[in-house]
Amino acid sequence: MMAHPFTSGPFDPMDKREADEPYFTLLARDPAAAILVEVWAHVRSGNMGLAHAALERLDSPLSGFDPQMDHDGQIRSAMGVANQMTGWRLGNLCRPDPEKGGDL
């Protein structure tokens, strides 16, 4: 269970987050949120076919998903967070570890 305002679950990342580590929040009211969380779970468990199938459900008229324009401020902000996450990960997790002989 991930965290929500009332409980903290065993997989709550906010307690483990580095002070400068970027993060992104999805709320249940976002029509894409549940599917994107499902996609994350499928990708992390190596089930790419199921991840693609879940993403295809966003194209369904029943999903309630209404895409925003690429130039929308919220979209640009999300892309900025994604770029910050990539930079943070490369700068913090992909450094050679001198205690392990320089291996990643």
Protein backbone atom coordinates (compact mmCIF):
# COMPACT_ATOMS: atom_id res chain seq x y z
CA MET A 1 0.00 0.00 0.00
CA MET A 2 1.32 3.40 -0.94
CA ALA A 3 0.82 6.38 1.31
CA HIS A 4 -2.19 8.61 1.33
CA PRO A 5 -3.02 11.39 3.78
CA PHE A 6 -4.35 9.07 6.47
CA THR A 7 -1.91 6.17 6.59
CA SER A 8 1.68 5.39 5.74
CA GLY A 9 2.22 2.03 4.11
CA PRO A 10 5.33 -0.13 3.96
CA PHE A 11 6.11 1.11 0.44
CA ASP A 12 5.64 4.81 1.16
CA PRO A 13 8.47 6.48 -0.76
CA MET A 14 8.26 9.88 0.91
CA ASP A 15 9.96 8.66 4.07
CA LYS A 16 12.83 7.28 1.95
CA ARG A 17 13.10 10.22 -0.45
CA GLU A 18 16.39 12.12 -0.65
CA ALA A 19 16.05 15.81 0.22
CA ASP A 20 16.80 16.89 -3.36
CA GLU A 21 15.03 13.99 -5.08
CA PRO A 22 12.25 15.11 -7.46
CA TYR A 23 8.86 13.43 -7.25
CA PHE A 24 5.53 13.50 -9.05
CA THR A 25 2.09 13.08 -7.51
CA LEU A 26 -1.03 11.65 -9.13
CA LEU A 27 -4.47 12.04 -7.59
CA ALA A 28 -7.29 9.51 -8.04
CA ARG A 29 -9.51 12.15 -9.70
CA ASP A 30 -7.13 12.27 -12.68
CA PRO A 31 -8.70 9.93 -15.26
CA ALA A 32 -5.24 8.73 -16.32
CA ALA A 33 -3.90 8.13 -12.80
CA ALA A 34 -5.12 4.59 -12.09
CA ILE A 35 -4.01 3.33 -15.48
CA LEU A 36 -0.61 5.00 -15.14
CA VAL A 37 -0.08 3.41 -11.73
CA GLU A 38 -1.08 0.07 -13.24
CA VAL A 39 1.39 0.64 -16.10
CA TRP A 40 4.14 1.40 -13.56
CA ALA A 41 3.40 -1.87 -11.73
CA HIS A 42 3.45 -3.88 -14.97
CA VAL A 43 6.68 -2.25 -16.14
CA ARG A 44 8.40 -2.79 -12.79
CA SER A 45 7.42 -6.46 -12.83
CA GLY A 46 8.59 -6.90 -16.43
CA ASN A 47 5.12 -7.37 -17.97
CA MET A 48 5.50 -4.99 -20.91
CA GLY A 49 2.61 -6.53 -22.82
CA LEU A 50 0.23 -5.83 -19.95
CA ALA A 51 1.66 -2.31 -19.64
CA HIS A 52 0.93 -1.63 -23.31
CA ALA A 53 -2.57 -3.08 -22.96
CA ALA A 54 -3.26 -0.80 -20.00
CA LEU A 55 -2.04 2.25 -21.94
CA GLU A 56 -4.33 1.34 -24.84
CA ARG A 57 -7.30 1.61 -22.47
CA LEU A 58 -6.60 5.36 -22.25
CA ASP A 59 -7.73 5.57 -25.90
CA SER A 60 -11.14 4.16 -24.98
CA PRO A 61 -13.95 6.71 -24.93
CA LEU A 62 -15.07 5.06 -21.68
CA SER A 63 -11.84 6.04 -19.91
CA GLY A 64 -12.91 9.67 -19.46
CA PHE A 65 -9.42 10.70 -20.50
CA ASP A 66 -9.26 13.99 -22.38
CA PRO A 67 -5.71 14.78 -23.52
CA GLN A 68 -4.25 18.21 -22.81
CA MET A 69 -2.23 20.18 -25.35
CA ASP A 70 1.56 19.71 -25.35
CA HIS A 71 2.09 23.41 -24.62
CA ASP A 72 -0.22 23.38 -21.58
CA GLY A 73 1.62 24.57 -18.46
CA GLN A 74 0.75 21.44 -16.49
CA ILE A 75 2.11 19.22 -19.27
CA ARG A 76 5.31 21.28 -19.57
CA SER A 77 5.73 21.10 -15.79
CA ALA A 78 5.32 17.30 -15.81
CA MET A 79 7.90 16.98 -18.59
CA GLY A 80 10.22 19.17 -16.54
CA VAL A 81 9.81 16.86 -13.54
CA ALA A 82 10.54 13.85 -15.76
CA ASN A 83 13.73 15.52 -16.98
CA GLN A 84 14.71 16.42 -13.40
CA MET A 85 14.14 12.81 -12.35
CA THR A 86 16.37 11.55 -15.15
CA GLY A 87 19.09 14.02 -14.22
CA TRP A 88 18.82 13.21 -10.52
CA ARG A 89 18.98 9.49 -11.16
CA LEU A 90 22.00 9.81 -13.44
CA GLY A 91 23.75 12.07 -10.98
CA ASN A 92 22.97 10.09 -7.85
CA LEU A 93 22.42 6.45 -8.70
CA CYS A 94 24.59 5.87 -11.75
CA ARG A 95 27.91 6.93 -10.25
CA PRO A 96 30.66 4.35 -9.86
CA ASP A 97 30.92 3.18 -6.27
CA PRO A 98 34.59 3.45 -5.22
CA GLU A 99 34.00 0.93 -2.43
CA LYS A 100 32.95 -1.63 -5.05
CA GLY A 101 35.89 -1.10 -7.37
CA GLY A 102 34.16 1.52 -9.48
CA ASP A 103 31.23 -0.67 -10.54
CA LEU A 104 27.76 0.83 -10.80
